[in-house]
Protein backbone atom coordinates (compact mmCIF):
# COMPACT_ATOMS: atom_id res chain seq x y z
CA MET A 1 132.12 126.04 124.18
CA THR A 2 131.19 129.73 124.73
CA GLY A 3 129.44 130.48 121.12
CA THR A 4 126.79 128.97 118.93
CA PRO A 5 125.84 130.13 115.31
CA ASP A 6 122.84 132.33 114.65
CA GLU A 7 121.71 135.21 112.34
CA THR A 8 119.90 138.16 112.16
CA PRO A 9 117.14 138.17 114.81
CA THR A 10 113.82 137.94 113.74
CA ASN A 11 112.16 139.46 116.83
CA THR A 12 113.63 143.05 118.56
CA PHE A 13 112.84 145.07 121.77
CA VAL A 14 110.95 148.26 121.18
CA PRO A 15 110.85 150.37 124.56
CA GLY A 16 107.52 151.38 125.45
CA GLY A 17 104.57 150.53 127.52
CA ARG A 18 104.17 151.97 130.93
CA ARG A 19 107.27 152.50 133.12
CA ARG A 20 108.27 154.20 135.97
CA HIS A 21 110.16 157.63 135.89
CA ARG A 22 114.05 156.64 136.04
CA ARG A 23 116.00 158.21 138.89
CA THR A 24 119.36 159.43 138.31
CA ARG A 25 122.19 158.21 140.17
CA VAL A 26 124.75 160.36 141.79
CA SER A 27 127.81 158.32 140.88
CA ARG A 28 126.90 156.91 137.75
CA THR A 29 124.62 159.55 135.80
CA SER A 30 125.68 162.72 137.27
CA ALA A 31 127.99 165.42 135.50
CA ARG A 32 131.21 164.53 137.61
CA ARG A 33 130.90 160.88 136.05
CA ALA A 34 130.84 162.27 132.74
CA LEU A 35 133.76 164.58 133.66
CA VAL A 36 135.60 161.60 135.04
CA LEU A 37 135.26 159.34 132.13
CA ALA A 38 136.17 162.45 129.72
CA MET A 39 139.54 162.88 131.70
CA ALA A 40 140.38 159.12 131.55
CA VAL A 41 139.15 158.32 128.03
CA PRO A 42 138.55 161.29 125.98
CA VAL A 43 136.55 160.02 123.37
CA ALA A 44 134.35 158.14 125.39
CA SER A 45 132.12 161.08 126.14
CA ALA A 46 129.62 161.22 123.90
CA THR A 47 128.23 157.57 124.96
CA LEU A 48 127.01 159.21 128.14
CA ALA A 49 124.72 161.75 126.17
CA GLY A 50 121.09 161.18 125.53
CA THR A 51 118.22 159.40 127.40
CA SER A 52 118.14 155.59 128.71
CA ALA A 53 117.09 153.11 125.75
CA PHE A 54 114.33 152.09 128.61
CA ALA A 55 113.85 155.36 130.72
CA ALA A 56 111.50 158.00 130.14
CA ASP A 57 112.59 161.25 129.01
CA ASP A 58 111.63 163.19 132.08
CA THR A 59 112.87 165.25 134.98
CA ALA A 60 114.30 162.54 137.70
CA THR A 61 114.84 162.56 141.28
CA THR A 62 118.60 162.14 142.09
CA ALA A 63 118.95 159.21 144.57
CA ALA A 64 121.78 156.94 145.49
CA SER A 65 121.79 153.41 144.28
CA GLY A 66 120.62 150.76 146.64
CA ALA A 67 118.62 147.51 147.54
CA THR A 68 114.63 148.10 147.58
CA THR A 69 113.21 147.11 151.08
CA ALA A 70 110.39 144.62 151.20
CA GLY A 71 108.46 147.65 152.60
CA THR A 72 108.72 149.47 148.86
CA LEU A 73 107.79 146.74 147.20
CA ASP A 74 104.36 146.23 145.15
CA ALA A 75 102.67 142.86 145.27
CA ASP A 76 104.09 141.89 142.10
CA ASP A 77 107.68 142.72 143.02
CA GLN A 78 107.16 140.77 146.14
CA LYS A 79 106.07 137.57 144.58
CA LEU A 80 109.07 137.59 142.23
CA ILE A 81 111.38 137.97 144.93
CA GLU A 82 109.64 135.06 146.46
CA ASN A 83 109.60 132.82 143.32
CA LEU A 84 113.15 133.63 142.38
CA THR A 85 114.50 132.94 145.86
CA GLU A 86 112.75 129.34 145.68
CA ARG A 87 113.71 128.71 142.18
CA VAL A 88 117.14 129.51 142.68
CA ALA A 89 117.50 126.45 144.82
CA ASP A 90 116.76 124.11 142.16
CA GLU A 91 119.05 120.96 142.59
CA ARG A 92 120.15 121.46 139.06
CA LEU A 93 122.07 124.67 139.51
CA GLY A 94 124.20 123.03 142.19
CA THR A 95 125.24 125.35 145.31
CA ASP A 96 127.56 127.81 143.40
CA VAL A 97 124.81 130.01 141.75
CA SER A 98 124.39 133.60 141.96
CA GLY A 99 121.84 136.06 140.58
CA VAL A 100 121.05 139.83 140.60
CA VAL A 101 117.83 141.47 139.48
CA LEU A 102 117.31 145.03 138.89
CA ASP A 103 114.52 147.65 138.28
CA ALA A 104 115.90 149.32 135.43
CA ASP A 105 113.79 151.99 135.72
CA SER A 106 113.95 153.02 139.00
CA ASP A 107 117.53 151.93 139.21
CA THR A 108 117.19 149.62 142.39
CA THR A 109 118.14 146.18 143.44
CA LEU A 110 115.01 143.97 143.69
CA TRP A 111 116.80 140.65 144.17
CA ASP A 112 120.14 139.48 145.15
CA HIS A 113 121.67 135.88 145.97
CA ASN A 114 125.29 136.00 146.37
CA GLY A 115 125.43 138.64 143.61
CA SER A 116 128.92 139.66 144.60
CA THR A 117 130.49 136.36 144.77
CA ALA A 118 133.19 135.93 142.26
CA LEU A 119 132.14 133.19 139.33
CA MET A 120 133.62 132.23 136.18
CA PRO A 121 131.31 134.27 133.78
CA ALA A 122 132.09 132.51 130.39
CA SER A 123 130.86 134.52 127.38
CA ASN A 124 129.21 137.03 129.40
CA ALA A 125 132.45 138.50 129.66
CA LYS A 126 132.06 139.63 126.23
CA LEU A 127 129.29 142.30 127.68
CA ALA A 128 132.52 144.20 128.85
CA THR A 129 134.81 143.68 125.84
CA ALA A 130 131.55 145.29 123.68
CA THR A 131 131.24 148.35 126.16
CA THR A 132 134.94 148.83 126.40
CA ALA A 133 135.28 148.87 122.82
CA LEU A 134 132.13 150.88 121.73
CA THR A 135 132.96 153.59 124.56
CA LEU A 136 136.61 154.19 123.40
CA LEU A 137 136.48 153.60 119.53
CA GLY A 138 132.89 154.69 118.87
CA ALA A 139 129.79 152.84 116.89
CA ASN A 140 131.32 154.34 113.56
CA HIS A 141 134.87 153.01 114.10
CA GLU A 142 136.36 150.95 111.30
CA PHE A 143 139.25 148.70 111.17
CA THR A 144 141.50 149.12 107.99
CA THR A 145 143.62 146.30 106.36
CA LYS A 146 146.22 147.41 103.72
CA VAL A 147 148.91 146.46 100.91
CA VAL A 148 151.79 148.35 100.75
CA TYR A 149 154.72 147.90 97.96
CA GLY A 150 158.69 148.13 98.24
CA ASP A 151 161.56 146.31 96.88
CA GLY A 152 159.60 144.17 94.49
CA THR A 153 157.59 142.78 97.46
CA LEU A 154 153.70 143.21 98.53
CA THR A 155 153.03 143.09 101.97
CA LEU A 156 149.80 142.67 103.36
CA VAL A 157 149.04 144.48 106.54
CA GLY A 158 146.75 143.47 109.20
CA GLY A 159 144.66 146.00 111.20
CA GLY A 160 142.67 144.02 113.44
CA ASP A 161 139.60 143.42 111.29
CA ARG A 162 138.48 139.84 111.95
CA THR A 163 135.44 140.22 109.40
CA LEU A 164 137.78 140.43 106.46
CA THR A 165 136.74 137.94 103.64
CA SER A 166 138.34 136.76 100.56
CA ASP A 167 135.89 138.62 98.53
CA ASP A 168 137.32 141.48 100.44
CA LEU A 169 140.56 140.72 99.78
CA ALA A 170 140.11 140.15 96.19
CA GLU A 171 139.12 143.58 95.61
CA MET A 172 142.30 144.66 97.25
CA THR A 173 144.44 142.28 94.99
CA LYS A 174 142.70 144.21 91.73
CA ASP A 175 144.04 147.36 93.13
CA ALA A 176 147.75 145.76 93.81
CA VAL A 177 147.75 144.08 90.75
CA ALA A 178 146.69 147.34 88.31
CA GLY A 179 149.59 149.28 90.24
CA LEU A 180 152.41 146.26 89.45
CA LYS A 181 150.92 146.09 85.60
CA ALA A 182 151.17 150.06 85.50
CA ALA A 183 154.98 149.47 86.44
CA GLY A 184 155.60 147.04 84.37
CA ARG A 185 155.91 144.35 86.76
CA THR A 186 154.61 140.42 86.64
CA ASP A 187 156.38 139.05 89.46
CA VAL A 188 156.50 139.92 93.23
CA LYS A 189 157.48 138.53 96.68
CA VAL A 190 154.66 138.26 99.02
CA ARG A 191 154.93 139.05 103.16
CA VAL A 192 152.42 139.32 105.84
CA ASP A 193 152.84 141.83 108.78
CA ASP A 194 150.83 141.14 111.69
CA SER A 195 153.36 143.01 114.15
CA LEU A 196 150.36 145.25 115.64
CA PHE A 197 149.70 142.69 118.07
CA ALA A 198 152.13 141.91 120.51
CA GLU A 199 153.02 138.33 122.23
CA PRO A 200 151.63 136.08 123.72
CA THR A 201 148.87 134.92 121.16
CA LEU A 202 147.33 132.56 123.81
CA ALA A 203 145.45 133.92 126.98
CA ASN A 204 146.04 132.47 130.89
CA GLY A 205 143.41 130.28 131.50
CA TRP A 206 142.95 128.86 127.97
CA ASN A 207 142.86 125.06 127.49
CA ASP A 208 144.67 123.71 124.93
CA GLY A 209 141.63 122.01 123.32
CA TYR A 210 140.01 125.77 122.84
CA TYR A 211 142.32 126.60 119.75
CA PRO A 212 142.26 126.68 117.02
CA THR A 213 138.61 125.90 116.63
CA GLU A 214 137.00 127.84 119.49
CA VAL A 215 139.71 130.78 119.43
CA ALA A 216 142.79 131.11 117.00
CA PRO A 217 145.93 132.17 118.57
CA VAL A 218 145.07 136.14 118.42
CA ARG A 219 146.90 137.93 115.32
CA SER A 220 145.82 141.16 113.47
CA LEU A 221 145.21 139.49 110.13
CA VAL A 222 143.00 136.74 109.11
CA VAL A 223 140.99 136.16 105.90
CA ASP A 224 137.37 134.24 106.31
CA GLY A 225 137.83 133.63 110.04
CA ALA A 226 140.11 130.75 109.33
CA ALA A 227 140.16 128.44 112.13
CA VAL A 228 144.23 127.95 111.92
CA GLU A 229 146.86 128.05 114.30
CA ASP A 230 148.57 130.67 112.06
CA THR A 231 145.49 133.05 110.44
CA SER A 232 148.44 135.42 109.25
CA LEU A 233 150.33 133.42 106.71
CA ASP A 234 147.05 131.83 105.60
CA ALA A 235 146.01 134.96 104.75
CA GLY A 236 148.93 135.73 103.00
CA LYS A 237 148.61 132.42 101.19
CA VAL A 238 145.04 133.50 100.22
CA PHE A 239 146.49 136.76 98.69
CA ALA A 240 149.34 135.01 97.00
CA GLU A 241 146.69 132.54 95.22
CA GLN A 242 144.53 135.73 94.39
CA LEU A 243 147.71 137.30 92.42
CA THR A 244 148.43 134.11 90.76
CA GLU A 245 145.35 133.79 89.09
CA THR A 246 145.67 137.05 87.55
CA GLY A 247 148.71 136.31 86.33
CA ILE A 248 151.24 137.76 88.46
CA THR A 249 154.38 135.65 89.56
CA VAL A 250 154.83 135.03 93.01
CA ASP A 251 158.35 134.51 94.10
CA GLY A 252 158.94 132.00 97.03
CA GLU A 253 157.15 131.28 99.87
CA VAL A 254 154.85 133.81 101.84
CA GLY A 255 156.76 134.79 104.86
CA ARG A 256 156.62 137.55 107.51
CA ALA A 257 158.38 141.17 107.58
CA THR A 258 157.38 144.35 109.08
CA ALA A 259 156.24 147.08 106.50
CA LYS A 260 158.81 150.01 106.07
CA GLN A 261 157.46 153.37 106.16
CA SER A 262 158.95 153.94 102.78
CA ASP A 263 156.47 151.23 101.19
CA VAL A 264 154.02 152.57 98.95
CA PRO A 265 150.18 151.81 99.88
CA VAL A 266 148.72 150.23 96.60
CA ALA A 267 145.04 148.80 98.28
CA GLN A 268 143.11 149.08 101.50
CA HIS A 269 140.01 147.58 102.66
CA ARG A 270 137.77 149.30 105.62
CA SER A 271 135.62 146.98 107.96
CA ALA A 272 132.25 147.72 108.93
CA PRO A 273 131.38 149.75 111.59
CA LEU A 274 132.29 148.96 115.18
CA SER A 275 128.40 148.79 115.91
CA ASP A 276 127.80 145.98 113.37
CA ILE A 277 130.84 143.86 114.45
CA VAL A 278 129.81 144.23 118.01
CA LYS A 279 126.28 142.78 116.98
CA GLN A 280 127.67 140.23 114.92
CA MET A 281 130.01 139.02 117.59
CA LEU A 282 127.03 138.88 120.26
CA LYS A 283 124.66 136.98 118.09
CA THR A 284 127.18 134.51 117.45
CA SER A 285 129.35 134.69 120.54
CA ASP A 286 132.39 134.88 118.36
CA ASN A 287 135.61 134.48 120.40
CA ASN A 288 137.96 135.54 117.74
CA ILE A 289 135.80 138.82 117.29
CA ALA A 290 136.23 139.71 121.00
CA GLU A 291 139.76 138.87 121.43
CA THR A 292 140.49 141.28 118.62
CA LEU A 293 138.23 144.01 119.78
CA LEU A 294 140.14 143.86 123.08
CA ARG A 295 143.33 144.60 121.47
CA MET A 296 142.49 146.51 118.97
CA THR A 297 141.05 149.19 121.35
CA ALA A 298 144.39 149.00 123.23
CA VAL A 299 146.02 149.84 119.89
CA GLU A 300 143.76 152.85 119.28
CA LEU A 301 144.14 154.02 122.89
CA GLY A 302 148.27 153.68 122.63
CA LYS A 303 148.36 151.01 125.19
CA PRO A 304 150.40 147.82 124.71
CA ALA A 305 148.28 145.46 122.14
CA THR A 306 148.30 142.67 124.74
CA PHE A 307 145.74 140.90 126.85
CA GLU A 308 146.67 143.20 129.60
CA GLY A 309 146.49 146.19 127.87
CA GLY A 310 142.97 145.77 126.96
CA VAL A 311 141.87 144.40 129.87
CA GLU A 312 143.61 147.67 131.89
CA LEU A 313 141.00 149.49 129.57
CA VAL A 314 138.09 147.33 130.34
CA ARG A 315 138.88 148.04 134.14
CA GLN A 316 139.19 151.84 133.50
CA VAL A 317 135.90 152.30 131.52
CA LEU A 318 133.83 149.83 134.02
CA SER A 319 135.15 152.12 136.93
CA SER A 320 134.21 155.28 134.53
CA TYR A 321 130.10 154.21 134.48
CA GLY A 322 130.45 153.27 138.11
CA ILE A 323 130.32 150.07 137.98
CA SER A 324 131.89 147.97 140.94
CA LEU A 325 135.04 146.02 140.13
CA ASP A 326 135.15 144.18 143.60
CA ASN A 327 136.30 140.45 143.04
CA PHE A 328 136.80 141.32 139.45
CA GLU A 329 139.17 139.41 137.55
CA MET A 330 139.75 139.07 133.56
CA TYR A 331 142.37 137.80 131.49
CA ASP A 332 140.86 137.73 127.95
CA GLY A 333 137.91 139.42 125.98
CA SER A 334 136.06 136.56 125.31
CA GLY A 335 135.38 134.94 128.31
CA LEU A 336 136.95 131.72 127.17
CA SER A 337 139.54 131.98 130.11
CA ARG A 338 139.02 129.49 133.17
CA ALA A 339 140.59 132.02 135.46
CA ASP A 340 138.16 134.82 134.48
CA ARG A 341 135.97 135.75 137.29
CA ILE A 342 132.80 138.25 137.27
CA PRO A 343 130.26 138.81 139.83
CA ALA A 344 126.67 138.69 138.85
CA ALA A 345 126.31 142.15 140.52
CA THR A 346 128.93 143.32 138.21
CA LEU A 347 127.44 142.13 134.82
CA ALA A 348 123.63 143.26 135.96
CA GLN A 349 125.51 147.05 136.69
CA LEU A 350 126.81 146.81 133.29
CA LEU A 351 123.94 145.75 131.44
CA ASP A 352 122.04 148.84 133.53
CA SER A 353 124.61 151.21 132.15
CA ILE A 354 124.55 149.71 128.50
CA THR A 355 120.60 150.67 129.05
CA GLU A 356 121.60 154.22 129.89
CA ALA A 357 123.72 154.93 127.09
CA PRO A 358 122.52 155.31 123.63
CA ALA A 359 125.68 155.06 121.93
CA LEU A 360 125.98 151.36 123.40
CA LYS A 361 122.68 150.41 121.59
CA SER A 362 124.04 147.87 119.58
CA ILE A 363 125.14 145.84 122.27
CA LEU A 364 120.98 145.49 123.36
CA ASP A 365 120.65 144.93 119.58
CA GLY A 366 123.09 141.93 119.61
CA LEU A 367 121.85 140.10 122.26
CA PRO A 368 119.83 137.23 121.31
CA VAL A 369 116.29 136.78 121.77
CA ALA A 370 114.62 134.09 123.28
CA GLY A 371 113.06 131.74 120.85
CA GLU A 372 114.91 133.49 118.02
CA ALA A 373 115.86 130.51 115.57
CA GLY A 374 119.39 130.49 114.48
CA ALA A 375 120.26 132.27 117.95
CA SER A 376 122.48 131.35 121.07
CA LEU A 377 118.60 131.38 122.45
CA GLY A 378 117.14 129.60 119.63
CA PRO A 379 115.36 126.31 120.00
CA GLU A 380 117.69 124.38 118.05
CA TRP A 381 119.99 124.79 120.97
CA GLY A 382 117.01 123.63 123.51
CA ARG A 383 116.43 127.04 125.23
CA PHE A 384 113.28 128.23 126.36
CA ASP A 385 111.24 125.35 125.25
CA ASP A 386 110.72 124.12 128.55
CA PRO A 387 107.02 124.42 130.04
CA ASN A 388 108.28 126.73 132.75
CA SER A 389 110.23 128.95 129.93
CA GLU A 390 108.46 128.84 126.80
CA CYS A 391 106.24 131.58 128.05
CA ALA A 392 109.18 134.04 128.04
CA VAL A 393 109.58 133.29 124.02
CA GLY A 394 110.33 136.81 122.36
CA LYS A 395 110.16 138.72 125.57
CA VAL A 396 113.95 137.96 127.28
CA GLN A 397 116.96 139.34 125.40
CA ALA A 398 120.26 138.18 126.74
CA LYS A 399 123.44 137.11 126.41
CA THR A 400 124.49 133.13 126.90
CA GLY A 401 127.58 131.90 128.32
CA THR A 402 128.74 127.89 128.29
CA LEU A 403 131.91 126.78 129.43
CA THR A 404 132.74 123.32 131.16
CA GLY A 405 131.37 123.74 134.76
CA ALA A 406 130.09 127.42 134.10
CA ILE A 407 126.59 128.68 132.77
CA ALA A 408 125.74 132.13 132.73
CA LEU A 409 122.68 134.12 131.15
CA SER A 410 122.63 138.06 131.68
CA GLY A 411 120.08 140.37 129.70
CA VAL A 412 116.93 142.45 130.02
CA THR A 413 113.15 141.95 129.82
CA ARG A 414 110.21 143.68 130.23
CA THR A 415 107.31 142.39 132.52
CA GLU A 416 103.84 141.87 131.63
CA ASP A 417 102.90 145.60 133.33
CA GLY A 418 105.79 147.01 130.82
CA GLU A 419 108.09 147.58 133.40
CA TRP A 420 112.21 146.52 132.53
CA ARG A 421 114.19 144.62 134.36
CA VAL A 422 118.01 143.83 134.25
CA PHE A 423 119.11 140.16 135.54
CA SER A 424 122.09 138.05 135.42
CA PHE A 425 122.54 134.61 136.69
CA ILE A 426 125.66 132.71 136.67
CA GLU A 427 126.47 129.00 138.02
CA ASN A 428 129.57 127.20 138.29
CA ASN A 429 130.30 123.36 138.99
CA SER A 430 126.84 121.93 138.76
CA THR A 431 127.07 118.31 138.04
CA ALA A 432 123.62 118.06 136.37
CA ASP A 433 123.40 118.10 133.00
CA PRO A 434 124.43 121.35 131.05
CA SER A 435 120.78 121.09 128.84
CA ASP A 436 119.16 120.89 132.45
CA ILE A 437 120.87 123.84 133.99
CA LYS A 438 120.14 125.71 130.96
CA ASP A 439 116.65 124.98 131.30
CA ALA A 440 116.70 126.12 134.86
CA MET A 441 118.50 129.36 133.86
CA ASP A 442 115.87 130.26 131.18
CA GLY A 443 113.33 129.41 133.97
CA LEU A 444 114.84 132.19 136.13
CA ALA A 445 114.50 134.61 133.30
CA ALA A 446 111.30 133.59 132.57
CA THR A 447 110.41 134.43 136.40
CA VAL A 448 111.94 137.88 136.04
CA ASN A 449 109.84 138.55 133.15
CA GLY A 450 106.96 137.33 135.29
CA CYS A 451 105.49 135.01 132.64
CA TRP A 452 106.31 132.06 134.80
CA ALA A 453 104.30 132.89 138.21
């Protein structure tokens, strides 16, 4: 499916080496863009401050973005284009394949092969979800789960924390029990309130086989990332069991109820910062976290807490960064939807924007590294172990994406000359074995790095 489990990376990218001075693009880094974004999504303007994660901090020449012509390319870039043009024709990739490579330092397009073609992006869509959440909520944003009491009932209120654990809940249980015992109560009813998210819980384009293992119906309450149909009632049952273990009698079955304004808060838990959650989502390609972040971004911005409400904000944020939405269709936050369509050019522009916004640094930190054991680009998944790509181990950092009939790889790398490159490759409908397709994709990324010459 879209994700593979992995761990904290052992390799990280540290900007350095020789760079070209970065040229500021009128539509994407000017004061006008900052003003548009500040007006459209007021809390987002801080993401535009500061220097690029890659670019030299120096006075830049203003120029419009555009493709680099052959006459302006050096010999290495010309060879890169020749190699990519040859290798994208690899029969393993099929005929529905696209790719774009940008020079991240000069903001120019080095190579474009069907870059505007709309294809299924798979989990590469998570890049858009992460960018939107960080832009609108901020890297330090936290999600709060609460327990409230009223009329002999403890209600566990979901706050969109997809990382809540049973240990976290146990701490809340202690506080709730202390309050009950202080009031002389030894029995209570238990309810769950997951009214924060609206129906439907399943997105357009999701296959029946996706849930609950690949993605659970989207609700605002879950404990231990349970892969069950109803994560809210499951969390309520865990809560009830913990109460029972402390000597509290739970009356009846756990049910749903909407907390009342008159209910008294008795416990709460705040999640890790959003930046940490984003890194976890990207490292593990966690579909459930992605869907929750899409909904919570809508909640915090006062939009309908639906797939549509979240996607509306994605489009708004990407537009504010000057990213093309031509042929862009998105129906969920994870990229599981088979109705999603995102061109490689859009993903490349998005990654380029991410490198320019320090507040989005956790996205770069969350991208798996080629050859990183335990990550989705690790050797256990057969990535970057081909003779044509193993030279790029530790040198490519990218988001993977895999669905039946769709494989994508979008990320960043630095050439042997120290120049940063942004790339996005997507293929749909190849009949080759998926492992062979991934080998071909890894080879394209290695070509961008310049190690497979």
